Amino acid sequence: MATTYESVDDLKEALRRAAAAHGEHETRIGKADPDWPDWYALYMVRERAGEELPR
């Protein structure tokens, strides 16, 4: 699925939301997530599409 952002600021805010959500994810799993790029990508694509977000 193609995902686009309207501006640098729009992308920047999406990254901040993903970072905050990922911090909660790492707290839940109790360790650092070495696959964080995969998690961020999935989160950002799903968020933009209005789909259920990963936990």
N, C-alpha and C. Protein backbone atom coordinates (compact mmCIF):
# COMPACT_ATOMS: atom_id res chain seq x y z
N MET A 1 0.84 -1.17 0.00
CA MET A 1 0.00 0.00 0.00
C MET A 1 0.89 1.24 0.00
N ALA A 2 0.62 2.15 -0.87
CA ALA A 2 1.37 3.40 -0.91
C ALA A 2 0.89 4.30 0.23
N THR A 3 1.84 4.93 0.87
CA THR A 3 1.53 5.86 1.96
C THR A 3 2.28 7.14 1.69
N THR A 4 1.56 8.24 1.73
CA THR A 4 2.19 9.54 1.48
C THR A 4 1.90 10.49 2.63
N TYR A 5 2.76 11.47 2.75
CA TYR A 5 2.61 12.52 3.75
C TYR A 5 2.62 13.85 3.01
N GLU A 6 1.84 14.77 3.50
CA GLU A 6 1.64 16.05 2.82
C GLU A 6 2.84 16.98 2.92
N SER A 7 3.63 16.83 3.98
CA SER A 7 4.75 17.75 4.20
C SER A 7 5.76 17.10 5.13
N VAL A 8 6.88 17.75 5.26
CA VAL A 8 7.91 17.29 6.20
C VAL A 8 7.33 17.31 7.61
N ASP A 9 6.59 18.34 7.95
CA ASP A 9 6.00 18.42 9.29
C ASP A 9 5.00 17.29 9.53
N ASP A 10 4.23 16.95 8.53
CA ASP A 10 3.27 15.85 8.63
C ASP A 10 4.01 14.54 8.90
N LEU A 11 5.07 14.28 8.18
CA LEU A 11 5.88 13.07 8.38
C LEU A 11 6.54 13.09 9.76
N LYS A 12 7.06 14.23 10.13
CA LYS A 12 7.72 14.38 11.43
C LYS A 12 6.75 14.04 12.57
N GLU A 13 5.53 14.53 12.49
CA GLU A 13 4.53 14.25 13.52
C GLU A 13 4.15 12.77 13.52
N ALA A 14 4.07 12.15 12.35
CA ALA A 14 3.78 10.73 12.27
C ALA A 14 4.88 9.92 12.93
N LEU A 15 6.12 10.31 12.73
CA LEU A 15 7.24 9.62 13.37
C LEU A 15 7.18 9.79 14.89
N ARG A 16 6.81 10.96 15.34
CA ARG A 16 6.69 11.19 16.79
C ARG A 16 5.59 10.32 17.40
N ARG A 17 4.46 10.21 16.71
CA ARG A 17 3.38 9.37 17.22
C ARG A 17 3.82 7.91 17.25
N ALA A 18 4.51 7.48 16.19
CA ALA A 18 5.00 6.09 16.14
C ALA A 18 6.00 5.84 17.26
N ALA A 19 6.87 6.80 17.51
CA ALA A 19 7.87 6.65 18.57
C ALA A 19 7.20 6.51 19.94
N ALA A 20 6.20 7.33 20.20
CA ALA A 20 5.49 7.25 21.47
C ALA A 20 4.78 5.90 21.62
N ALA A 21 4.11 5.47 20.57
CA ALA A 21 3.41 4.19 20.60
C ALA A 21 4.39 3.03 20.74
N HIS A 22 5.54 3.15 20.08
CA HIS A 22 6.53 2.09 20.16
C HIS A 22 7.13 2.00 21.57
N GLY A 23 7.30 3.13 22.22
CA GLY A 23 7.76 3.11 23.61
C GLY A 23 6.81 2.32 24.49
N GLU A 24 5.51 2.50 24.28
CA GLU A 24 4.51 1.74 25.03
C GLU A 24 4.60 0.25 24.68
N HIS A 25 4.83 -0.03 23.41
CA HIS A 25 4.99 -1.43 22.95
C HIS A 25 6.17 -2.08 23.66
N GLU A 26 7.31 -1.39 23.72
CA GLU A 26 8.49 -1.96 24.38
C GLU A 26 8.24 -2.15 25.88
N THR A 27 7.50 -1.25 26.48
CA THR A 27 7.15 -1.43 27.89
C THR A 27 6.32 -2.69 28.07
N ARG A 28 5.35 -2.90 27.18
CA ARG A 28 4.50 -4.09 27.26
C ARG A 28 5.30 -5.38 27.10
N ILE A 29 6.25 -5.38 26.15
CA ILE A 29 7.00 -6.62 25.91
C ILE A 29 8.19 -6.77 26.87
N GLY A 30 8.52 -5.70 27.58
CA GLY A 30 9.56 -5.76 28.60
C GLY A 30 10.99 -5.80 28.11
N LYS A 31 11.21 -5.35 26.88
CA LYS A 31 12.57 -5.33 26.34
C LYS A 31 12.62 -4.43 25.11
N ALA A 32 13.85 -4.12 24.71
CA ALA A 32 14.03 -3.35 23.48
C ALA A 32 13.62 -4.21 22.28
N ASP A 33 13.03 -3.57 21.31
CA ASP A 33 12.56 -4.27 20.10
C ASP A 33 13.57 -4.07 18.99
N PRO A 34 14.35 -5.11 18.66
CA PRO A 34 15.36 -4.95 17.61
C PRO A 34 14.74 -4.76 16.21
N ASP A 35 13.48 -5.11 16.07
CA ASP A 35 12.79 -4.96 14.78
C ASP A 35 11.96 -3.68 14.73
N TRP A 36 12.41 -2.64 15.46
CA TRP A 36 11.63 -1.41 15.53
C TRP A 36 11.35 -0.79 14.17
N PRO A 37 12.24 -0.87 13.17
CA PRO A 37 11.89 -0.26 11.88
C PRO A 37 10.64 -0.91 11.26
N ASP A 38 10.54 -2.23 11.39
CA ASP A 38 9.37 -2.94 10.87
C ASP A 38 8.11 -2.47 11.59
N TRP A 39 8.20 -2.34 12.91
CA TRP A 39 7.06 -1.93 13.73
C TRP A 39 6.64 -0.51 13.37
N TYR A 40 7.61 0.39 13.26
CA TYR A 40 7.30 1.79 12.88
C TYR A 40 6.60 1.83 11.52
N ALA A 41 7.15 1.12 10.55
CA ALA A 41 6.58 1.13 9.21
C ALA A 41 5.14 0.64 9.21
N LEU A 42 4.89 -0.46 9.90
CA LEU A 42 3.54 -1.00 9.98
C LEU A 42 2.60 -0.01 10.67
N TYR A 43 3.05 0.57 11.77
CA TYR A 43 2.25 1.55 12.50
C TYR A 43 1.89 2.73 11.61
N MET A 44 2.88 3.27 10.94
CA MET A 44 2.67 4.48 10.14
C MET A 44 1.75 4.23 8.95
N VAL A 45 1.90 3.09 8.31
CA VAL A 45 1.03 2.76 7.17
C VAL A 45 -0.40 2.53 7.65
N ARG A 46 -0.54 1.77 8.72
CA ARG A 46 -1.89 1.50 9.23
C ARG A 46 -2.56 2.76 9.76
N GLU A 47 -1.79 3.59 10.45
CA GLU A 47 -2.37 4.84 10.97
C GLU A 47 -2.91 5.69 9.82
N ARG A 48 -2.12 5.82 8.79
CA ARG A 48 -2.51 6.65 7.63
C ARG A 48 -3.75 6.08 6.94
N ALA A 49 -3.87 4.75 6.93
CA ALA A 49 -5.00 4.09 6.26
C ALA A 49 -6.23 4.01 7.15
N GLY A 50 -6.09 4.40 8.42
CA GLY A 50 -7.21 4.31 9.34
C GLY A 50 -7.50 2.88 9.79
N GLU A 51 -6.48 2.04 9.75
CA GLU A 51 -6.64 0.63 10.14
C GLU A 51 -6.21 0.43 11.60
N GLU A 52 -6.48 -0.76 12.12
CA GLU A 52 -6.09 -1.09 13.48
C GLU A 52 -4.57 -1.01 13.62
N LEU A 53 -4.13 -0.35 14.69
CA LEU A 53 -2.71 -0.14 14.89
C LEU A 53 -2.09 -1.32 15.63
N PRO A 54 -0.80 -1.59 15.36
CA PRO A 54 -0.12 -2.66 16.10
C PRO A 54 0.03 -2.26 17.56
N ARG A 55 0.14 -3.25 18.40
CA ARG A 55 0.32 -3.00 19.84
C ARG A 55 1.70 -3.41 20.29
